Amino acid sequence: MCLAVPGRVLSVEEKDGTTMAQVDFGGLRKEVCLAYVPDAKIGEYVIVHVGFAIQRLDERSAQETLATFERLGILEEEFGDGFARAARQTGAPA
């Protein structure tokens, strides 16, 4: 499954001419491209789809969505270690 997930911008930097950010998704951190929202600021929430921030989101909505995703196990499914999951599904040691 590939969802658009809200996350909070922790840092912003320029990499090879592209604005990138470290984004926190309820405790999981990923590098995200800010090409579509290049003026996103540290502390703001953005919605991320396949590694790209696609829009801003208010904090309350972001927190509610993250809590729902966590409760449903969607964050682990979306950001967890795919190799470990695949090994568990095939019965191989992780």
PDB file of N, CA and C in Angstrom:
ATOM      1  N   MET A   1       0.850  -1.174   0.000  1.00  0.00           N
ATOM      2  CA  MET A   1       0.000   0.000   0.000  1.00  0.00           C
ATOM      3  C   MET A   1       0.893   1.233   0.000  1.00  0.00           C
ATOM      4  N   CYS A   2       0.460   2.246  -0.643  1.00  0.00           N
ATOM      5  CA  CYS A   2       1.241   3.476  -0.688  1.00  0.00           C
ATOM      6  C   CYS A   2       0.311   4.641  -0.357  1.00  0.00           C
ATOM      7  N   LEU A   3       0.515   5.216   0.817  1.00  0.00           N
ATOM      8  CA  LEU A   3      -0.362   6.269   1.306  1.00  0.00           C
ATOM      9  C   LEU A   3       0.334   7.617   1.303  1.00  0.00           C
ATOM     10  N   ALA A   4      -0.434   8.652   1.446  1.00  0.00           N
ATOM     11  CA  ALA A   4       0.090   9.977   1.748  1.00  0.00           C
ATOM     12  C   ALA A   4       0.017  10.119   3.257  1.00  0.00           C
ATOM     13  N   VAL A   5       1.165  10.330   3.893  1.00  0.00           N
ATOM     14  CA  VAL A   5       1.265  10.310   5.353  1.00  0.00           C
ATOM     15  C   VAL A   5       1.741  11.668   5.850  1.00  0.00           C
ATOM     16  N   PRO A   6       1.104  12.205   6.902  1.00  0.00           N
ATOM     17  CA  PRO A   6       1.560  13.479   7.451  1.00  0.00           C
ATOM     18  C   PRO A   6       2.807  13.290   8.308  1.00  0.00           C
ATOM     19  N   GLY A   7       3.699  14.279   8.237  1.00  0.00           N
ATOM     20  CA  GLY A   7       4.895  14.266   9.066  1.00  0.00           C
ATOM     21  C   GLY A   7       5.333  15.679   9.368  1.00  0.00           C
ATOM     22  N   ARG A   8       6.151  15.812  10.435  1.00  0.00           N
ATOM     23  CA  ARG A   8       6.630  17.132  10.862  1.00  0.00           C
ATOM     24  C   ARG A   8       8.049  17.339  10.365  1.00  0.00           C
ATOM     25  N   VAL A   9       8.288  18.475   9.751  1.00  0.00           N
ATOM     26  CA  VAL A   9       9.604  18.814   9.217  1.00  0.00           C
ATOM     27  C   VAL A   9      10.558  19.093  10.385  1.00  0.00           C
ATOM     28  N   LEU A  10      11.665  18.333  10.421  1.00  0.00           N
ATOM     29  CA  LEU A  10      12.669  18.503  11.473  1.00  0.00           C
ATOM     30  C   LEU A  10      13.843  19.361  11.033  1.00  0.00           C
ATOM     31  N   SER A  11      14.225  19.228   9.780  1.00  0.00           N
ATOM     32  CA  SER A  11      15.339  20.017   9.252  1.00  0.00           C
ATOM     33  C   SER A  11      15.165  20.145   7.746  1.00  0.00           C
ATOM     34  N   VAL A  12      15.779  21.180   7.195  1.00  0.00           N
ATOM     35  CA  VAL A  12      15.700  21.438   5.757  1.00  0.00           C
ATOM     36  C   VAL A  12      17.114  21.721   5.271  1.00  0.00           C
ATOM     37  N   GLU A  13      17.460  21.147   4.108  1.00  0.00           N
ATOM     38  CA  GLU A  13      18.764  21.420   3.516  1.00  0.00           C
ATOM     39  C   GLU A  13      18.687  21.291   2.007  1.00  0.00           C
ATOM     40  N   GLU A  14      19.634  21.883   1.361  1.00  0.00           N
ATOM     41  CA  GLU A  14      19.756  21.825  -0.094  1.00  0.00           C
ATOM     42  C   GLU A  14      20.689  20.662  -0.429  1.00  0.00           C
ATOM     43  N   LYS A  15      20.266  19.765  -1.323  1.00  0.00           N
ATOM     44  CA  LYS A  15      21.102  18.649  -1.763  1.00  0.00           C
ATOM     45  C   LYS A  15      21.061  18.596  -3.275  1.00  0.00           C
ATOM     46  N   ASP A  16      22.204  18.824  -3.897  1.00  0.00           N
ATOM     47  CA  ASP A  16      22.300  18.777  -5.354  1.00  0.00           C
ATOM     48  C   ASP A  16      21.231  19.628  -6.033  1.00  0.00           C
ATOM     49  N   GLY A  17      20.964  20.814  -5.481  1.00  0.00           N
ATOM     50  CA  GLY A  17      20.006  21.730  -6.080  1.00  0.00           C
ATOM     51  C   GLY A  17      18.551  21.446  -5.750  1.00  0.00           C
ATOM     52  N   THR A  18      18.304  20.477  -4.867  1.00  0.00           N
ATOM     53  CA  THR A  18      16.937  20.120  -4.486  1.00  0.00           C
ATOM     54  C   THR A  18      16.752  20.353  -2.994  1.00  0.00           C
ATOM     55  N   THR A  19      15.633  20.954  -2.618  1.00  0.00           N
ATOM     56  CA  THR A  19      15.338  21.167  -1.204  1.00  0.00           C
ATOM     57  C   THR A  19      14.832  19.865  -0.603  1.00  0.00           C
ATOM     58  N   MET A  20      15.541  19.387   0.422  1.00  0.00           N
ATOM     59  CA  MET A  20      15.217  18.128   1.088  1.00  0.00           C
ATOM     60  C   MET A  20      14.967  18.405   2.568  1.00  0.00           C
ATOM     61  N   ALA A  21      14.278  17.479   3.219  1.00  0.00           N
ATOM     62  CA  ALA A  21      13.991  17.639   4.645  1.00  0.00           C
ATOM     63  C   ALA A  21      14.059  16.290   5.345  1.00  0.00           C
ATOM     64  N   GLN A  22      14.402  16.333   6.627  1.00  0.00           N
ATOM     65  CA  GLN A  22      14.202  15.189   7.498  1.00  0.00           C
ATOM     66  C   GLN A  22      12.808  15.393   8.090  1.00  0.00           C
ATOM     67  N   VAL A  23      11.953  14.382   7.964  1.00  0.00           N
ATOM     68  CA  VAL A  23      10.562  14.494   8.407  1.00  0.00           C
ATOM     69  C   VAL A  23      10.276  13.371   9.391  1.00  0.00           C
ATOM     70  N   ASP A  24       9.582  13.727  10.475  1.00  0.00           N
ATOM     71  CA  ASP A  24       9.216  12.773  11.522  1.00  0.00           C
ATOM     72  C   ASP A  24       7.769  12.335  11.330  1.00  0.00           C
ATOM     73  N   PHE A  25       7.578  11.017  11.228  1.00  0.00           N
ATOM     74  CA  PHE A  25       6.245  10.424  11.079  1.00  0.00           C
ATOM     75  C   PHE A  25       5.909   9.652  12.348  1.00  0.00           C
ATOM     76  N   GLY A  26       5.599  10.372  13.410  1.00  0.00           N
ATOM     77  CA  GLY A  26       5.241   9.701  14.655  1.00  0.00           C
ATOM     78  C   GLY A  26       6.366   8.844  15.215  1.00  0.00           C
ATOM     79  N   GLY A  27       7.597   9.321  15.127  1.00  0.00           N
ATOM     80  CA  GLY A  27       8.745   8.595  15.649  1.00  0.00           C
ATOM     81  C   GLY A  27       9.608   7.951  14.581  1.00  0.00           C
ATOM     82  N   LEU A  28       9.109   7.813  13.388  1.00  0.00           N
ATOM     83  CA  LEU A  28       9.885   7.299  12.263  1.00  0.00           C
ATOM     84  C   LEU A  28      10.368   8.488  11.442  1.00  0.00           C
ATOM     85  N   ARG A  29      11.670   8.530  11.150  1.00  0.00           N
ATOM     86  CA  ARG A  29      12.227   9.651  10.400  1.00  0.00           C
ATOM     87  C   ARG A  29      12.666   9.212   9.014  1.00  0.00           C
ATOM     88  N   LYS A  30      12.330  10.045   8.042  1.00  0.00           N
ATOM     89  CA  LYS A  30      12.691   9.754   6.652  1.00  0.00           C
ATOM     90  C   LYS A  30      13.136  11.043   5.974  1.00  0.00           C
ATOM     91  N   GLU A  31      13.977  10.886   4.922  1.00  0.00           N
ATOM     92  CA  GLU A  31      14.349  12.019   4.095  1.00  0.00           C
ATOM     93  C   GLU A  31      13.262  12.206   3.032  1.00  0.00           C
ATOM     94  N   VAL A  32      12.848  13.450   2.841  1.00  0.00           N
ATOM     95  CA  VAL A  32      11.732  13.770   1.958  1.00  0.00           C
ATOM     96  C   VAL A  32      12.124  14.920   1.042  1.00  0.00           C
ATOM     97  N   CYS A  33      11.690  14.854  -0.192  1.00  0.00           N
ATOM     98  CA  CYS A  33      11.918  15.929  -1.157  1.00  0.00           C
ATOM     99  C   CYS A  33      10.846  17.010  -0.977  1.00  0.00           C
ATOM    100  N   LEU A  34      11.288  18.264  -0.916  1.00  0.00           N
ATOM    101  CA  LEU A  34      10.360  19.399  -0.756  1.00  0.00           C
ATOM    102  C   LEU A  34      10.149  20.173  -2.053  1.00  0.00           C
ATOM    103  N   ALA A  35      10.406  19.557  -3.193  1.00  0.00           N
ATOM    104  CA  ALA A  35      10.281  20.258  -4.484  1.00  0.00           C
ATOM    105  C   ALA A  35       8.902  20.869  -4.693  1.00  0.00           C
ATOM    106  N   TYR A  36       7.858  20.221  -4.194  1.00  0.00           N
ATOM    107  CA  TYR A  36       6.497  20.725  -4.404  1.00  0.00           C
ATOM    108  C   TYR A  36       6.061  21.730  -3.344  1.00  0.00           C
ATOM    109  N   VAL A  37       6.749  21.753  -2.210  1.00  0.00           N
ATOM    110  CA  VAL A  37       6.488  22.746  -1.147  1.00  0.00           C
ATOM    111  C   VAL A  37       7.838  23.259  -0.631  1.00  0.00           C
ATOM    112  N   PRO A  38       8.600  23.944  -1.508  1.00  0.00           N
ATOM    113  CA  PRO A  38       9.963  24.332  -1.161  1.00  0.00           C
ATOM    114  C   PRO A  38      10.081  25.333  -0.018  1.00  0.00           C
ATOM    115  N   ASP A  39       8.985  26.017   0.304  1.00  0.00           N
ATOM    116  CA  ASP A  39       9.030  26.987   1.396  1.00  0.00           C
ATOM    117  C   ASP A  39       8.537  26.410   2.718  1.00  0.00           C
ATOM    118  N   ALA A  40       8.401  25.071   2.812  1.00  0.00           N
ATOM    119  CA  ALA A  40       8.016  24.432   4.077  1.00  0.00           C
ATOM    120  C   ALA A  40       9.086  24.735   5.121  1.00  0.00           C
ATOM    121  N   LYS A  41       8.646  25.004   6.321  1.00  0.00           N
ATOM    122  CA  LYS A  41       9.544  25.406   7.403  1.00  0.00           C
ATOM    123  C   LYS A  41       9.644  24.311   8.470  1.00  0.00           C
ATOM    124  N   ILE A  42      10.749  24.355   9.210  1.00  0.00           N
ATOM    125  CA  ILE A  42      10.936  23.444  10.339  1.00  0.00           C
ATOM    126  C   ILE A  42       9.764  23.630  11.303  1.00  0.00           C
ATOM    127  N   GLY A  43       9.201  22.507  11.740  1.00  0.00           N
ATOM    128  CA  GLY A  43       8.070  22.528  12.663  1.00  0.00           C
ATOM    129  C   GLY A  43       6.718  22.410  11.979  1.00  0.00           C
ATOM    130  N   GLU A  44       6.662  22.697  10.682  1.00  0.00           N
ATOM    131  CA  GLU A  44       5.403  22.568   9.957  1.00  0.00           C
ATOM    132  C   GLU A  44       5.150  21.107   9.611  1.00  0.00           C
ATOM    133  N   TYR A  45       3.891  20.796   9.369  1.00  0.00           N
ATOM    134  CA  TYR A  45       3.508  19.449   8.946  1.00  0.00           C
ATOM    135  C   TYR A  45       3.249  19.445   7.450  1.00  0.00           C
ATOM    136  N   VAL A  46       3.702  18.382   6.817  1.00  0.00           N
ATOM    137  CA  VAL A  46       3.487  18.197   5.390  1.00  0.00           C
ATOM    138  C   VAL A  46       2.915  16.809   5.155  1.00  0.00           C
ATOM    139  N   ILE A  47       2.192  16.659   4.058  1.00  0.00           N
ATOM    140  CA  ILE A  47       1.704  15.343   3.657  1.00  0.00           C
ATOM    141  C   ILE A  47       2.710  14.809   2.642  1.00  0.00           C
ATOM    142  N   VAL A  48       3.180  13.581   2.879  1.00  0.00           N
ATOM    143  CA  VAL A  48       4.230  12.988   2.053  1.00  0.00           C
ATOM    144  C   VAL A  48       3.681  11.771   1.327  1.00  0.00           C
ATOM    145  N   HIS A  49       3.952  11.736   0.030  1.00  0.00           N
ATOM    146  CA  HIS A  49       3.558  10.598  -0.806  1.00  0.00           C
ATOM    147  C   HIS A  49       4.768  10.181  -1.622  1.00  0.00           C
ATOM    148  N   VAL A  50       5.133   8.925  -1.536  1.00  0.00           N
ATOM    149  CA  VAL A  50       6.296   8.334  -2.212  1.00  0.00           C
ATOM    150  C   VAL A  50       7.544   9.216  -2.146  1.00  0.00           C
ATOM    151  N   GLY A  51       7.818   9.744  -0.948  1.00  0.00           N
ATOM    152  CA  GLY A  51       9.040  10.501  -0.734  1.00  0.00           C
ATOM    153  C   GLY A  51       8.985  11.972  -1.074  1.00  0.00           C
ATOM    154  N   PHE A  52       7.828  12.473  -1.505  1.00  0.00           N
ATOM    155  CA  PHE A  52       7.666  13.880  -1.852  1.00  0.00           C
ATOM    156  C   PHE A  52       6.619  14.518  -0.941  1.00  0.00           C
ATOM    157  N   ALA A  53       6.952  15.670  -0.354  1.00  0.00           N
ATOM    158  CA  ALA A  53       5.951  16.458   0.368  1.00  0.00           C
ATOM    159  C   ALA A  53       5.062  17.092  -0.693  1.00  0.00           C
ATOM    160  N   ILE A  54       3.747  16.889  -0.570  1.00  0.00           N
ATOM    161  CA  ILE A  54       2.848  17.383  -1.610  1.00  0.00           C
ATOM    162  C   ILE A  54       1.952  18.537  -1.147  1.00  0.00           C
ATOM    163  N   GLN A  55       1.856  18.749   0.179  1.00  0.00           N
ATOM    164  CA  GLN A  55       1.119  19.908   0.692  1.00  0.00           C
ATOM    165  C   GLN A  55       1.337  20.027   2.182  1.00  0.00           C
ATOM    166  N   ARG A  56       0.984  21.190   2.729  1.00  0.00           N
ATOM    167  CA  ARG A  56       1.052  21.415   4.174  1.00  0.00           C
ATOM    168  C   ARG A  56      -0.235  20.912   4.824  1.00  0.00           C
ATOM    169  N   LEU A  57      -0.140  20.686   6.146  1.00  0.00           N
ATOM    170  CA  LEU A  57      -1.295  20.220   6.919  1.00  0.00           C
ATOM    171  C   LEU A  57      -1.194  20.834   8.304  1.00  0.00           C
ATOM    172  N   ASP A  58      -2.339  21.202   8.894  1.00  0.00           N
ATOM    173  CA  ASP A  58      -2.295  21.760  10.243  1.00  0.00           C
ATOM    174  C   ASP A  58      -1.949  20.654  11.253  1.00  0.00           C
ATOM    175  N   GLU A  59      -1.386  21.055  12.381  1.00  0.00           N
ATOM    176  CA  GLU A  59      -0.875  20.100  13.371  1.00  0.00           C
ATOM    177  C   GLU A  59      -1.965  19.168  13.907  1.00  0.00           C
ATOM    178  N   ARG A  60      -3.130  19.702  14.225  1.00  0.00           N
ATOM    179  CA  ARG A  60      -4.202  18.870  14.784  1.00  0.00           C
ATOM    180  C   ARG A  60      -4.590  17.745  13.823  1.00  0.00           C
ATOM    181  N   SER A  61      -4.795  18.098  12.565  1.00  0.00           N
ATOM    182  CA  SER A  61      -5.163  17.090  11.571  1.00  0.00           C
ATOM    183  C   SER A  61      -4.048  16.066  11.394  1.00  0.00           C
ATOM    184  N   ALA A  62      -2.799  16.534  11.387  1.00  0.00           N
ATOM    185  CA  ALA A  62      -1.664  15.626  11.241  1.00  0.00           C
ATOM    186  C   ALA A  62      -1.606  14.640  12.411  1.00  0.00           C
ATOM    187  N   GLN A  63      -1.756  15.138  13.632  1.00  0.00           N
ATOM    188  CA  GLN A  63      -1.691  14.275  14.819  1.00  0.00           C
ATOM    189  C   GLN A  63      -2.834  13.259  14.833  1.00  0.00           C
ATOM    190  N   GLU A  64      -4.021  13.695  14.472  1.00  0.00           N
ATOM    191  CA  GLU A  64      -5.172  12.776  14.423  1.00  0.00           C
ATOM    192  C   GLU A  64      -4.939  11.673  13.385  1.00  0.00           C
ATOM    193  N   THR A  65      -4.433  12.052  12.229  1.00  0.00           N
ATOM    194  CA  THR A  65      -4.177  11.071  11.174  1.00  0.00           C
ATOM    195  C   THR A  65      -3.089  10.091  11.588  1.00  0.00           C
ATOM    196  N   LEU A  66      -1.989  10.612  12.164  1.00  0.00           N
ATOM    197  CA  LEU A  66      -0.911   9.731  12.620  1.00  0.00           C
ATOM    198  C   LEU A  66      -1.398   8.762  13.686  1.00  0.00           C
ATOM    199  N   ALA A  67      -2.224   9.238  14.615  1.00  0.00           N
ATOM    200  CA  ALA A  67      -2.753   8.366  15.665  1.00  0.00           C
ATOM    201  C   ALA A  67      -3.630   7.265  15.070  1.00  0.00           C
ATOM    202  N   THR A  68      -4.447   7.619  14.111  1.00  0.00           N
ATOM    203  CA  THR A  68      -5.296   6.623  13.452  1.00  0.00           C
ATOM    204  C   THR A  68      -4.460   5.610  12.690  1.00  0.00           C
ATOM    205  N   PHE A  69      -3.478   6.086  11.929  1.00  0.00           N
ATOM    206  CA  PHE A  69      -2.601   5.177  11.188  1.00  0.00           C
ATOM    207  C   PHE A  69      -1.864   4.238  12.135  1.00  0.00           C
ATOM    208  N   GLU A  70      -1.379   4.777  13.264  1.00  0.00           N
ATOM    209  CA  GLU A  70      -0.658   3.958  14.253  1.00  0.00           C
ATOM    210  C   GLU A  70      -1.584   2.888  14.819  1.00  0.00           C
ATOM    211  N   ARG A  71      -2.790   3.282  15.180  1.00  0.00           N
ATOM    212  CA  ARG A  71      -3.764   2.347  15.752  1.00  0.00           C
ATOM    213  C   ARG A  71      -4.081   1.218  14.769  1.00  0.00           C
ATOM    214  N   LEU A  72      -4.112   1.527  13.489  1.00  0.00           N
ATOM    215  CA  LEU A  72      -4.428   0.533  12.467  1.00  0.00           C
ATOM    216  C   LEU A  72      -3.200  -0.239  11.979  1.00  0.00           C
ATOM    217  N   GLY A  73      -2.015   0.138  12.464  1.00  0.00           N
ATOM    218  CA  GLY A  73      -0.790  -0.534  12.044  1.00  0.00           C
ATOM    219  C   GLY A  73      -0.296  -0.097  10.674  1.00  0.00           C
ATOM    220  N   ILE A  74      -0.817   0.995  10.177  1.00  0.00           N
ATOM    221  CA  ILE A  74      -0.473   1.443   8.836  1.00  0.00           C
ATOM    222  C   ILE A  74       0.936   2.018   8.776  1.00  0.00           C
ATOM    223  N   LEU A  75       1.383   2.684   9.854  1.00  0.00           N
ATOM    224  CA  LEU A  75       2.732   3.260   9.824  1.00  0.00           C
ATOM    225  C   LEU A  75       3.783   2.164   9.716  1.00  0.00           C
ATOM    226  N   GLU A  76       3.615   1.087  10.448  1.00  0.00           N
ATOM    227  CA  GLU A  76       4.559  -0.028  10.359  1.00  0.00           C
ATOM    228  C   GLU A  76       4.526  -0.636   8.959  1.00  0.00           C
ATOM    229  N   GLU A  77       3.333  -0.770   8.417  1.00  0.00           N
ATOM    230  CA  GLU A  77       3.193  -1.325   7.066  1.00  0.00           C
ATOM    231  C   GLU A  77       3.857  -0.423   6.035  1.00  0.00           C
ATOM    232  N   GLU A  78       3.681   0.883   6.193  1.00  0.00           N
ATOM    233  CA  GLU A  78       4.198   1.839   5.222  1.00  0.00           C
ATOM    234  C   GLU A  78       5.702   2.061   5.363  1.00  0.00           C
ATOM    235  N   PHE A  79       6.208   2.123   6.623  1.00  0.00           N
ATOM    236  CA  PHE A  79       7.598   2.498   6.855  1.00  0.00           C
ATOM    237  C   PHE A  79       8.452   1.412   7.478  1.00  0.00           C
ATOM    238  N   GLY A  80       7.846   0.302   7.866  1.00  0.00           N
ATOM    239  CA  GLY A  80       8.609  -0.751   8.532  1.00  0.00           C
ATOM    240  C   GLY A  80       9.619  -1.392   7.599  1.00  0.00           C
ATOM    241  N   ASP A  81      10.401  -2.268   8.161  1.00  0.00           N
ATOM    242  CA  ASP A  81      11.445  -2.965   7.413  1.00  0.00           C
ATOM    243  C   ASP A  81      10.809  -4.030   6.533  1.00  0.00           C
ATOM    244  N   GLY A  82      10.704  -3.753   5.257  1.00  0.00           N
ATOM    245  CA  GLY A  82      10.069  -4.674   4.318  1.00  0.00           C
ATOM    246  C   GLY A  82      10.759  -6.013   4.236  1.00  0.00           C
ATOM    247  N   PHE A  83      12.083  -6.050   4.377  1.00  0.00           N
ATOM    248  CA  PHE A  83      12.810  -7.315   4.314  1.00  0.00           C
ATOM    249  C   PHE A  83      12.470  -8.190   5.523  1.00  0.00           C
ATOM    250  N   ALA A  84      12.382  -7.584   6.699  1.00  0.00           N
ATOM    251  CA  ALA A  84      12.032  -8.342   7.896  1.00  0.00           C
ATOM    252  C   ALA A  84      10.602  -8.878   7.783  1.00  0.00           C
ATOM    253  N   ARG A  85       9.690  -8.049   7.262  1.00  0.00           N
ATOM    254  CA  ARG A  85       8.296  -8.502   7.079  1.00  0.00           C
ATOM    255  C   ARG A  85       8.240  -9.664   6.109  1.00  0.00           C
ATOM    256  N   ALA A  86       8.958  -9.574   5.008  1.00  0.00           N
ATOM    257  CA  ALA A  86       8.950 -10.632   4.006  1.00  0.00           C
ATOM    258  C   ALA A  86       9.496 -11.928   4.601  1.00  0.00           C
ATOM    259  N   ALA A  87      10.540 -11.826   5.410  1.00  0.00           N
ATOM    260  CA  ALA A  87      11.125 -13.001   6.049  1.00  0.00           C
ATOM    261  C   ALA A  87      10.131 -13.651   7.006  1.00  0.00           C
ATOM    262  N   ARG A  88       9.398 -12.827   7.765  1.00  0.00           N
ATOM    263  CA  ARG A  88       8.401 -13.370   8.691  1.00  0.00           C
ATOM    264  C   ARG A  88       7.295 -14.086   7.931  1.00  0.00           C
ATOM    265  N   GLN A  89       6.887 -13.523   6.788  1.00  0.00           N
ATOM    266  CA  GLN A  89       5.806 -14.119   6.017  1.00  0.00           C
ATOM    267  C   GLN A  89       6.214 -15.441   5.386  1.00  0.00           C
ATOM    268  N   THR A  90       7.495 -15.605   5.089  1.00  0.00           N
ATOM    269  CA  THR A  90       7.959 -16.852   4.477  1.00  0.00           C
ATOM    270  C   THR A  90       8.468 -17.844   5.511  1.00  0.00           C
ATOM    271  N   GLY A  91       8.537 -17.415   6.778  1.00  0.00           N
ATOM    272  CA  GLY A  91       9.003 -18.286   7.843  1.00  0.00           C
ATOM    273  C   GLY A  91      10.502 -18.265   8.014  1.00  0.00           C
ATOM    274  N   ALA A  92      11.229 -17.471   7.244  1.00  0.00           N
ATOM    275  CA  ALA A  92      12.679 -17.362   7.382  1.00  0.00           C
ATOM    276  C   ALA A  92      13.002 -16.505   8.598  1.00  0.00           C
ATOM    277  N   PRO A  93      14.132 -16.745   9.262  1.00  0.00           N
ATOM    278  CA  PRO A  93      14.499 -15.902  10.415  1.00  0.00           C
ATOM    279  C   PRO A  93      14.778 -14.476   9.979  1.00  0.00           C
ATOM    280  N   ALA A  94      14.306 -13.519  10.757  1.00  0.00           N
ATOM    281  CA  ALA A  94      14.465 -12.096  10.407  1.00  0.00           C
ATOM    282  C   ALA A  94      15.785 -11.568  10.916  1.00  0.00           C
TER     283      ALA A  94
END
